[in-house]
Amino acid sequence: MSTYGTTSGAERAIIENMLDRNREALIETARGLSEADARRRLVASLTTPISLIKHAAAAERIWFQRFWAGLDESECDGYSRRDEGTFAVADDESLADVIAEFERASQRSREIASRFDLDDTKDNPREGSVSMRWTLLAFIQEFARHAGHGDILREQIDKAALRQPPS
């Protein structure tokens, strides 16, 4: 049995499976962390385990809800502006809340993407003409990169926890 999910068959099924695997890989970098560790800043940027997932949810909304579905910002189910606000996590949001938000945004993205063929295109002011195929592949790249960031943060957090003397 393959550890890579769908490895043959229709192109779309392979692409969508790889994207879902990268979504899950990103979530796994934070799953099980304490609320404090999920918010721990170990780099100069706003990047924390929880903020990576929050950013991913916003990216889903920006590209699928706003760009592909043509929804206004007010019609989206959360933050959907292209700025550093995508990394902002409110004090009252738990890690479980942010993971659930990302999962909801991902499900909505799947539904929106299913309305388009891989070769369908739309004009984007930053990237030019983009296809649904390109969008799905760009998200595979984006979430793989962020899962790598999350892996490094998790390694730092877990290593620090191992060095702490028992209380």
N, C-alpha and C. Protein backbone atom coordinates (compact mmCIF):
# COMPACT_ATOMS: atom_id res chain seq x y z
N MET A 1 0.84 -1.18 0.00
CA MET A 1 0.00 0.00 0.00
C MET A 1 0.89 1.25 0.00
N SER A 2 0.55 2.21 -0.83
CA SER A 2 1.34 3.43 -0.96
C SER A 2 1.12 4.35 0.24
N THR A 3 2.18 4.99 0.66
CA THR A 3 2.06 6.01 1.71
C THR A 3 1.80 7.38 1.11
N TYR A 4 1.67 7.45 -0.21
CA TYR A 4 1.48 8.73 -0.89
C TYR A 4 0.05 8.94 -1.38
N GLY A 5 -0.89 8.11 -0.99
CA GLY A 5 -2.27 8.29 -1.43
C GLY A 5 -2.45 7.90 -2.88
N THR A 6 -3.18 8.71 -3.62
CA THR A 6 -3.46 8.45 -5.02
C THR A 6 -2.20 8.70 -5.84
N THR A 7 -1.68 7.66 -6.45
CA THR A 7 -0.42 7.78 -7.21
C THR A 7 -0.59 7.49 -8.69
N SER A 8 -1.77 7.10 -9.10
CA SER A 8 -2.03 6.88 -10.52
C SER A 8 -3.51 7.13 -10.77
N GLY A 9 -3.83 7.26 -12.05
CA GLY A 9 -5.22 7.50 -12.40
C GLY A 9 -5.39 8.88 -13.01
N ALA A 10 -6.57 9.43 -12.84
CA ALA A 10 -6.90 10.71 -13.44
C ALA A 10 -6.06 11.83 -12.82
N GLU A 11 -5.62 12.73 -13.67
CA GLU A 11 -4.78 13.84 -13.22
C GLU A 11 -5.43 14.62 -12.08
N ARG A 12 -6.69 14.94 -12.22
CA ARG A 12 -7.36 15.74 -11.21
C ARG A 12 -7.37 15.03 -9.86
N ALA A 13 -7.66 13.75 -9.86
CA ALA A 13 -7.69 13.00 -8.61
C ALA A 13 -6.32 13.00 -7.94
N ILE A 14 -5.27 12.87 -8.73
CA ILE A 14 -3.91 12.88 -8.17
C ILE A 14 -3.60 14.26 -7.58
N ILE A 15 -3.91 15.32 -8.31
CA ILE A 15 -3.63 16.68 -7.84
C ILE A 15 -4.42 16.98 -6.57
N GLU A 16 -5.71 16.68 -6.58
CA GLU A 16 -6.54 16.97 -5.42
C GLU A 16 -6.10 16.16 -4.20
N ASN A 17 -5.71 14.91 -4.41
CA ASN A 17 -5.24 14.09 -3.31
C ASN A 17 -3.94 14.65 -2.73
N MET A 18 -3.03 15.08 -3.60
CA MET A 18 -1.77 15.65 -3.12
C MET A 18 -2.02 16.94 -2.34
N LEU A 19 -2.95 17.75 -2.80
CA LEU A 19 -3.29 18.98 -2.08
C LEU A 19 -3.87 18.63 -0.71
N ASP A 20 -4.78 17.68 -0.66
CA ASP A 20 -5.36 17.30 0.64
C ASP A 20 -4.30 16.74 1.58
N ARG A 21 -3.34 16.00 1.05
CA ARG A 21 -2.27 15.45 1.88
C ARG A 21 -1.41 16.57 2.45
N ASN A 22 -1.18 17.62 1.66
CA ASN A 22 -0.39 18.75 2.16
C ASN A 22 -1.19 19.59 3.16
N ARG A 23 -2.49 19.69 2.96
CA ARG A 23 -3.33 20.36 3.97
C ARG A 23 -3.20 19.63 5.30
N GLU A 24 -3.34 18.32 5.25
CA GLU A 24 -3.25 17.52 6.48
C GLU A 24 -1.86 17.58 7.09
N ALA A 25 -0.82 17.59 6.26
CA ALA A 25 0.55 17.68 6.78
C ALA A 25 0.75 18.98 7.54
N LEU A 26 0.18 20.07 7.03
CA LEU A 26 0.28 21.35 7.72
C LEU A 26 -0.42 21.28 9.08
N ILE A 27 -1.60 20.72 9.11
CA ILE A 27 -2.33 20.59 10.38
C ILE A 27 -1.53 19.75 11.37
N GLU A 28 -0.94 18.67 10.89
CA GLU A 28 -0.20 17.76 11.78
C GLU A 28 1.01 18.42 12.44
N THR A 29 1.54 19.48 11.83
CA THR A 29 2.69 20.16 12.46
C THR A 29 2.29 20.84 13.76
N ALA A 30 1.01 21.13 13.94
CA ALA A 30 0.55 21.82 15.14
C ALA A 30 -0.31 20.97 16.05
N ARG A 31 -0.87 19.90 15.52
CA ARG A 31 -1.80 19.09 16.31
C ARG A 31 -1.10 18.58 17.58
N GLY A 32 -1.81 18.74 18.71
CA GLY A 32 -1.29 18.25 19.98
C GLY A 32 -0.45 19.26 20.75
N LEU A 33 -0.16 20.41 20.15
CA LEU A 33 0.59 21.43 20.88
C LEU A 33 -0.30 22.08 21.93
N SER A 34 0.31 22.58 22.97
CA SER A 34 -0.43 23.39 23.93
C SER A 34 -0.77 24.71 23.26
N GLU A 35 -1.72 25.43 23.82
CA GLU A 35 -2.08 26.74 23.27
C GLU A 35 -0.87 27.67 23.29
N ALA A 36 -0.09 27.63 24.35
CA ALA A 36 1.10 28.49 24.44
C ALA A 36 2.13 28.12 23.38
N ASP A 37 2.37 26.83 23.21
CA ASP A 37 3.36 26.41 22.21
C ASP A 37 2.87 26.71 20.80
N ALA A 38 1.58 26.60 20.56
CA ALA A 38 1.04 26.89 19.22
C ALA A 38 1.27 28.35 18.85
N ARG A 39 1.37 29.22 19.84
CA ARG A 39 1.56 30.65 19.62
C ARG A 39 3.02 31.09 19.80
N ARG A 40 3.88 30.18 20.12
CA ARG A 40 5.27 30.53 20.41
C ARG A 40 5.95 31.08 19.17
N ARG A 41 6.55 32.26 19.32
CA ARG A 41 7.28 32.90 18.21
C ARG A 41 8.75 32.54 18.33
N LEU A 42 9.22 31.80 17.35
CA LEU A 42 10.61 31.35 17.33
C LEU A 42 11.40 31.99 16.19
N VAL A 43 10.73 32.79 15.37
CA VAL A 43 11.36 33.49 14.25
C VAL A 43 10.90 34.94 14.29
N ALA A 44 11.59 35.80 13.55
CA ALA A 44 11.29 37.24 13.59
C ALA A 44 9.93 37.58 12.98
N SER A 45 9.46 36.78 12.06
CA SER A 45 8.18 37.05 11.39
C SER A 45 7.02 36.67 12.30
N LEU A 46 5.82 36.82 11.79
CA LEU A 46 4.61 36.45 12.52
C LEU A 46 4.35 34.94 12.50
N THR A 47 5.27 34.18 11.97
CA THR A 47 5.08 32.74 11.78
C THR A 47 5.16 31.98 13.10
N THR A 48 4.05 31.36 13.43
CA THR A 48 3.94 30.45 14.57
C THR A 48 3.18 29.22 14.06
N PRO A 49 3.18 28.13 14.79
CA PRO A 49 2.41 26.98 14.31
C PRO A 49 0.94 27.32 14.04
N ILE A 50 0.30 28.05 14.94
CA ILE A 50 -1.12 28.37 14.76
C ILE A 50 -1.31 29.39 13.64
N SER A 51 -0.38 30.35 13.51
CA SER A 51 -0.55 31.37 12.48
C SER A 51 -0.35 30.81 11.08
N LEU A 52 0.45 29.76 10.94
CA LEU A 52 0.59 29.12 9.63
C LEU A 52 -0.74 28.55 9.16
N ILE A 53 -1.47 27.95 10.08
CA ILE A 53 -2.77 27.36 9.73
C ILE A 53 -3.79 28.46 9.48
N LYS A 54 -3.76 29.52 10.27
CA LYS A 54 -4.65 30.66 10.06
C LYS A 54 -4.39 31.27 8.68
N HIS A 55 -3.12 31.44 8.33
CA HIS A 55 -2.73 31.98 7.02
C HIS A 55 -3.23 31.07 5.89
N ALA A 56 -3.11 29.77 6.07
CA ALA A 56 -3.56 28.82 5.05
C ALA A 56 -5.07 28.94 4.82
N ALA A 57 -5.84 29.11 5.89
CA ALA A 57 -7.29 29.29 5.75
C ALA A 57 -7.60 30.55 4.95
N ALA A 58 -6.88 31.62 5.24
CA ALA A 58 -7.10 32.88 4.51
C ALA A 58 -6.70 32.71 3.05
N ALA A 59 -5.61 32.02 2.79
CA ALA A 59 -5.19 31.79 1.40
C ALA A 59 -6.26 31.02 0.63
N GLU A 60 -6.86 30.03 1.27
CA GLU A 60 -7.96 29.28 0.63
C GLU A 60 -9.08 30.25 0.25
N ARG A 61 -9.46 31.13 1.17
CA ARG A 61 -10.55 32.07 0.89
C ARG A 61 -10.18 33.07 -0.20
N ILE A 62 -8.95 33.58 -0.16
CA ILE A 62 -8.50 34.57 -1.15
C ILE A 62 -8.59 33.98 -2.55
N TRP A 63 -8.08 32.79 -2.71
CA TRP A 63 -8.01 32.21 -4.05
C TRP A 63 -9.30 31.54 -4.50
N PHE A 64 -9.93 30.77 -3.64
CA PHE A 64 -11.11 30.02 -4.08
C PHE A 64 -12.39 30.83 -3.92
N GLN A 65 -12.60 31.43 -2.76
CA GLN A 65 -13.85 32.17 -2.55
C GLN A 65 -13.84 33.50 -3.29
N ARG A 66 -12.77 34.27 -3.13
CA ARG A 66 -12.75 35.60 -3.75
C ARG A 66 -12.42 35.51 -5.23
N PHE A 67 -11.30 34.86 -5.57
CA PHE A 67 -10.87 34.86 -6.96
C PHE A 67 -11.73 33.95 -7.83
N TRP A 68 -11.79 32.68 -7.53
CA TRP A 68 -12.50 31.74 -8.41
C TRP A 68 -14.02 31.89 -8.32
N ALA A 69 -14.57 32.01 -7.12
CA ALA A 69 -16.03 32.13 -6.99
C ALA A 69 -16.51 33.57 -7.17
N GLY A 70 -15.59 34.53 -7.12
CA GLY A 70 -15.96 35.93 -7.33
C GLY A 70 -16.74 36.55 -6.18
N LEU A 71 -16.57 36.00 -4.98
CA LEU A 71 -17.29 36.53 -3.83
C LEU A 71 -16.66 37.82 -3.33
N ASP A 72 -17.47 38.68 -2.80
CA ASP A 72 -17.00 39.88 -2.14
C ASP A 72 -16.41 39.47 -0.78
N GLU A 73 -15.52 40.28 -0.27
CA GLU A 73 -14.92 39.98 1.03
C GLU A 73 -15.98 39.72 2.10
N SER A 74 -17.06 40.47 2.07
CA SER A 74 -18.12 40.32 3.07
C SER A 74 -18.85 38.97 2.95
N GLU A 75 -18.74 38.31 1.82
CA GLU A 75 -19.40 37.02 1.61
C GLU A 75 -18.52 35.84 1.99
N CYS A 76 -17.26 36.09 2.29
CA CYS A 76 -16.34 35.02 2.66
C CYS A 76 -16.53 34.64 4.11
N ASP A 77 -16.12 33.43 4.45
CA ASP A 77 -16.32 32.93 5.81
C ASP A 77 -15.14 33.22 6.73
N GLY A 78 -14.46 34.33 6.49
CA GLY A 78 -13.33 34.73 7.32
C GLY A 78 -12.44 35.70 6.57
N TYR A 79 -11.33 35.99 7.18
CA TYR A 79 -10.40 36.98 6.63
C TYR A 79 -9.96 36.57 5.23
N SER A 80 -9.98 37.55 4.30
CA SER A 80 -9.65 37.21 2.90
C SER A 80 -8.96 38.36 2.17
N ARG A 81 -8.09 39.07 2.88
CA ARG A 81 -7.28 40.11 2.24
C ARG A 81 -5.85 39.62 2.08
N ARG A 82 -5.19 40.06 1.04
CA ARG A 82 -3.80 39.65 0.79
C ARG A 82 -2.85 40.56 1.55
N ASP A 83 -2.67 40.31 2.84
CA ASP A 83 -1.74 41.09 3.64
C ASP A 83 -1.33 40.28 4.86
N GLU A 84 -0.55 40.88 5.75
CA GLU A 84 -0.07 40.15 6.92
C GLU A 84 -1.19 39.78 7.89
N GLY A 85 -2.37 40.36 7.71
CA GLY A 85 -3.50 40.00 8.56
C GLY A 85 -3.87 38.53 8.44
N THR A 86 -3.42 37.87 7.39
CA THR A 86 -3.71 36.44 7.24
C THR A 86 -3.06 35.62 8.35
N PHE A 87 -2.04 36.17 9.00
CA PHE A 87 -1.35 35.46 10.08
C PHE A 87 -1.90 35.81 11.47
N ALA A 88 -2.86 36.74 11.56
CA ALA A 88 -3.35 37.22 12.85
C ALA A 88 -4.33 36.23 13.48
N VAL A 89 -4.00 35.81 14.68
CA VAL A 89 -4.84 34.90 15.44
C VAL A 89 -5.32 35.65 16.69
N ALA A 90 -6.62 35.73 16.88
CA ALA A 90 -7.17 36.42 18.04
C ALA A 90 -6.86 35.65 19.32
N ASP A 91 -6.77 36.37 20.42
CA ASP A 91 -6.45 35.75 21.70
C ASP A 91 -7.48 34.69 22.11
N ASP A 92 -8.73 34.87 21.69
CA ASP A 92 -9.78 33.93 22.10
C ASP A 92 -9.93 32.75 21.14
N GLU A 93 -9.08 32.66 20.12
CA GLU A 93 -9.14 31.53 19.19
C GLU A 93 -8.18 30.43 19.66
N SER A 94 -8.70 29.24 19.81
CA SER A 94 -7.85 28.11 20.20
C SER A 94 -7.26 27.46 18.96
N LEU A 95 -6.27 26.63 19.18
CA LEU A 95 -5.70 25.86 18.09
C LEU A 95 -6.77 25.02 17.41
N ALA A 96 -7.63 24.39 18.19
CA ALA A 96 -8.72 23.59 17.62
C ALA A 96 -9.64 24.46 16.76
N ASP A 97 -9.91 25.69 17.21
CA ASP A 97 -10.74 26.61 16.42
C ASP A 97 -10.10 26.90 15.07
N VAL A 98 -8.80 27.18 15.08
CA VAL A 98 -8.10 27.56 13.85
C VAL A 98 -7.99 26.36 12.91
N ILE A 99 -7.74 25.19 13.44
CA ILE A 99 -7.72 23.98 12.60
C ILE A 99 -9.10 23.77 11.96
N ALA A 100 -10.16 23.91 12.75
CA ALA A 100 -11.52 23.75 12.22
C ALA A 100 -11.81 24.80 11.15
N GLU A 101 -11.35 26.02 11.36
CA GLU A 101 -11.53 27.08 10.37
C GLU A 101 -10.84 26.70 9.05
N PHE A 102 -9.61 26.21 9.15
CA PHE A 102 -8.87 25.79 7.95
C PHE A 102 -9.58 24.63 7.26
N GLU A 103 -10.06 23.68 8.03
CA GLU A 103 -10.77 22.55 7.43
C GLU A 103 -12.05 23.01 6.72
N ARG A 104 -12.78 23.96 7.31
CA ARG A 104 -13.98 24.49 6.65
C ARG A 104 -13.62 25.24 5.37
N ALA A 105 -12.58 26.06 5.44
CA ALA A 105 -12.16 26.81 4.24
C ALA A 105 -11.71 25.84 3.15
N SER A 106 -11.01 24.78 3.53
CA SER A 106 -10.54 23.79 2.56
C SER A 106 -11.72 23.07 1.92
N GLN A 107 -12.71 22.73 2.70
CA GLN A 107 -13.90 22.07 2.14
C GLN A 107 -14.61 22.99 1.17
N ARG A 108 -14.74 24.24 1.52
CA ARG A 108 -15.38 25.19 0.61
C ARG A 108 -14.55 25.34 -0.66
N SER A 109 -13.23 25.33 -0.54
CA SER A 109 -12.37 25.39 -1.72
C SER A 109 -12.58 24.19 -2.62
N ARG A 110 -12.70 23.00 -2.03
CA ARG A 110 -12.96 21.80 -2.83
C ARG A 110 -14.26 21.95 -3.61
N GLU A 111 -15.29 22.46 -2.95
CA GLU A 111 -16.59 22.63 -3.60
C GLU A 111 -16.49 23.65 -4.74
N ILE A 112 -15.80 24.74 -4.52
CA ILE A 112 -15.66 25.76 -5.56
C ILE A 112 -14.82 25.21 -6.71
N ALA A 113 -13.71 24.57 -6.41
CA ALA A 113 -12.83 24.03 -7.45
C ALA A 113 -13.57 23.01 -8.32
N SER A 114 -14.47 22.26 -7.73
CA SER A 114 -15.17 21.22 -8.48
C SER A 114 -16.06 21.80 -9.59
N ARG A 115 -16.36 23.08 -9.52
CA ARG A 115 -17.18 23.73 -10.55
C ARG A 115 -16.39 24.06 -11.81
N PHE A 116 -15.08 23.91 -11.76
CA PHE A 116 -14.21 24.31 -12.86
C PHE A 116 -13.41 23.13 -13.38
N ASP A 117 -13.16 23.14 -14.68
CA ASP A 117 -12.24 22.18 -15.28
C ASP A 117 -10.82 22.65 -14.99
N LEU A 118 -9.87 21.73 -15.02
CA LEU A 118 -8.47 22.09 -14.77
C LEU A 118 -7.97 23.15 -15.74
N ASP A 119 -8.47 23.14 -16.97
CA ASP A 119 -8.00 24.09 -17.98
C ASP A 119 -8.75 25.42 -17.97
N ASP A 120 -9.79 25.56 -17.14
CA ASP A 120 -10.50 26.84 -17.05
C ASP A 120 -9.53 27.89 -16.52
N THR A 121 -9.64 29.10 -17.07
CA THR A 121 -8.74 30.18 -16.66
C THR A 121 -9.53 31.42 -16.26
N LYS A 122 -8.86 32.24 -15.46
CA LYS A 122 -9.35 33.56 -15.08
C LYS A 122 -8.15 34.48 -15.06
N ASP A 123 -8.38 35.76 -15.32
CA ASP A 123 -7.31 36.74 -15.27
C ASP A 123 -7.14 37.23 -13.84
N ASN A 124 -5.89 37.21 -13.41
CA ASN A 124 -5.52 37.68 -12.08
C ASN A 124 -4.59 38.87 -12.24
N PRO A 125 -4.85 39.97 -11.52
CA PRO A 125 -4.04 41.17 -11.70
C PRO A 125 -2.56 40.97 -11.39
N ARG A 126 -2.22 40.03 -10.54
CA ARG A 126 -0.81 39.80 -10.17
C ARG A 126 -0.13 38.74 -11.03
N GLU A 127 -0.84 37.67 -11.33
CA GLU A 127 -0.23 36.53 -12.01
C GLU A 127 -0.60 36.43 -13.48
N GLY A 128 -1.54 37.21 -13.95
CA GLY A 128 -1.99 37.09 -15.33
C GLY A 128 -3.07 36.03 -15.43
N SER A 129 -3.15 35.37 -16.57
CA SER A 129 -4.14 34.33 -16.77
C SER A 129 -3.70 33.07 -16.02
N VAL A 130 -4.55 32.60 -15.12
CA VAL A 130 -4.22 31.40 -14.35
C VAL A 130 -5.31 30.36 -14.54
N SER A 131 -4.92 29.12 -14.56
CA SER A 131 -5.86 28.02 -14.70
C SER A 131 -6.18 27.44 -13.33
N MET A 132 -7.23 26.67 -13.27
CA MET A 132 -7.54 25.96 -12.04
C MET A 132 -6.40 24.97 -11.74
N ARG A 133 -5.85 24.37 -12.76
CA ARG A 133 -4.71 23.45 -12.56
C ARG A 133 -3.58 24.19 -11.85
N TRP A 134 -3.23 25.37 -12.37
CA TRP A 134 -2.15 26.16 -11.77
C TRP A 134 -2.47 26.48 -10.32
N THR A 135 -3.72 26.86 -10.05
CA THR A 135 -4.11 27.22 -8.69
C THR A 135 -3.93 26.03 -7.75
N LEU A 136 -4.41 24.87 -8.14
CA LEU A 136 -4.28 23.68 -7.29
C LEU A 136 -2.82 23.33 -7.07
N LEU A 137 -2.01 23.41 -8.12
CA LEU A 137 -0.58 23.12 -7.99
C LEU A 137 0.11 24.16 -7.12
N ALA A 138 -0.28 25.42 -7.25
CA ALA A 138 0.30 26.48 -6.42
C ALA A 138 -0.01 26.23 -4.95
N PHE A 139 -1.21 25.71 -4.66
CA PHE A 139 -1.56 25.41 -3.28
C PHE A 139 -0.80 24.21 -2.75
N ILE A 140 -0.53 23.23 -3.60
CA ILE A 140 0.31 22.11 -3.17
C ILE A 140 1.67 22.67 -2.75
N GLN A 141 2.23 23.52 -3.57
CA GLN A 141 3.53 24.13 -3.27
C GLN A 141 3.46 24.96 -1.99
N GLU A 142 2.46 25.81 -1.88
CA GLU A 142 2.30 26.70 -0.72
C GLU A 142 2.19 25.90 0.58
N PHE A 143 1.32 24.90 0.59
CA PHE A 143 1.11 24.17 1.83
C PHE A 143 2.26 23.23 2.14
N ALA A 144 2.95 22.71 1.14
CA ALA A 144 4.14 21.90 1.39
C ALA A 144 5.22 22.76 2.03
N ARG A 145 5.39 23.98 1.50
CA ARG A 145 6.39 24.90 2.07
C ARG A 145 6.03 25.23 3.51
N HIS A 146 4.77 25.56 3.76
CA HIS A 146 4.36 25.92 5.12
C HIS A 146 4.41 24.72 6.06
N ALA A 147 4.13 23.54 5.58
CA ALA A 147 4.27 22.35 6.42
C ALA A 147 5.74 22.16 6.80
N GLY A 148 6.65 22.48 5.88
CA GLY A 148 8.08 22.44 6.21
C GLY A 148 8.43 23.46 7.28
N HIS A 149 7.88 24.67 7.16
CA HIS A 149 8.08 25.67 8.20
C HIS A 149 7.55 25.13 9.53
N GLY A 150 6.35 24.57 9.49
CA GLY A 150 5.73 24.03 10.70
C GLY A 150 6.55 22.90 11.30
N ASP A 151 7.13 22.04 10.45
CA ASP A 151 7.98 20.95 10.95
C ASP A 151 9.17 21.50 11.73
N ILE A 152 9.78 22.55 11.20
CA ILE A 152 10.94 23.14 11.86
C ILE A 152 10.54 23.77 13.19
N LEU A 153 9.44 24.51 13.18
CA LEU A 153 8.96 25.10 14.44
C LEU A 153 8.64 24.02 15.46
N ARG A 154 7.97 22.97 15.01
CA ARG A 154 7.60 21.87 15.91
C ARG A 154 8.84 21.20 16.48
N GLU A 155 9.84 21.01 15.64
CA GLU A 155 11.09 20.41 16.12
C GLU A 155 11.71 21.28 17.21
N GLN A 156 11.71 22.60 17.01
CA GLN A 156 12.26 23.51 18.02
C GLN A 156 11.45 23.46 19.31
N ILE A 157 10.13 23.45 19.18
CA ILE A 157 9.26 23.40 20.36
C ILE A 157 9.44 22.09 21.10
N ASP A 158 9.43 20.98 20.38
CA ASP A 158 9.57 19.67 21.03
C ASP A 158 10.94 19.52 21.67
N LYS A 159 11.98 20.02 21.02
CA LYS A 159 13.34 19.92 21.59
C LYS A 159 13.44 20.75 22.86
N ALA A 160 12.83 21.94 22.87
CA ALA A 160 12.83 22.78 24.07
C ALA A 160 12.10 22.09 25.21
N ALA A 161 11.01 21.40 24.90
CA ALA A 161 10.24 20.70 25.92
C ALA A 161 11.05 19.56 26.53
N LEU A 162 11.87 18.90 25.72
CA LEU A 162 12.70 17.81 26.22
C LEU A 162 13.79 18.32 27.15
N ARG A 163 14.24 19.56 26.93
CA ARG A 163 15.31 20.12 27.76
C ARG A 163 14.79 20.66 29.08
N GLN A 164 13.48 20.86 29.20
CA GLN A 164 12.92 21.41 30.43
C GLN A 164 12.99 20.39 31.55
N PRO A 165 13.50 20.81 32.71
CA PRO A 165 13.50 19.86 33.84
C PRO A 165 12.06 19.62 34.30
N PRO A 166 11.76 18.43 34.78
CA PRO A 166 10.39 18.15 35.25
C PRO A 166 10.04 19.05 36.43
N SER A 167 8.77 19.43 36.51
CA SER A 167 8.35 20.30 37.63
C SER A 167 7.93 19.51 38.83
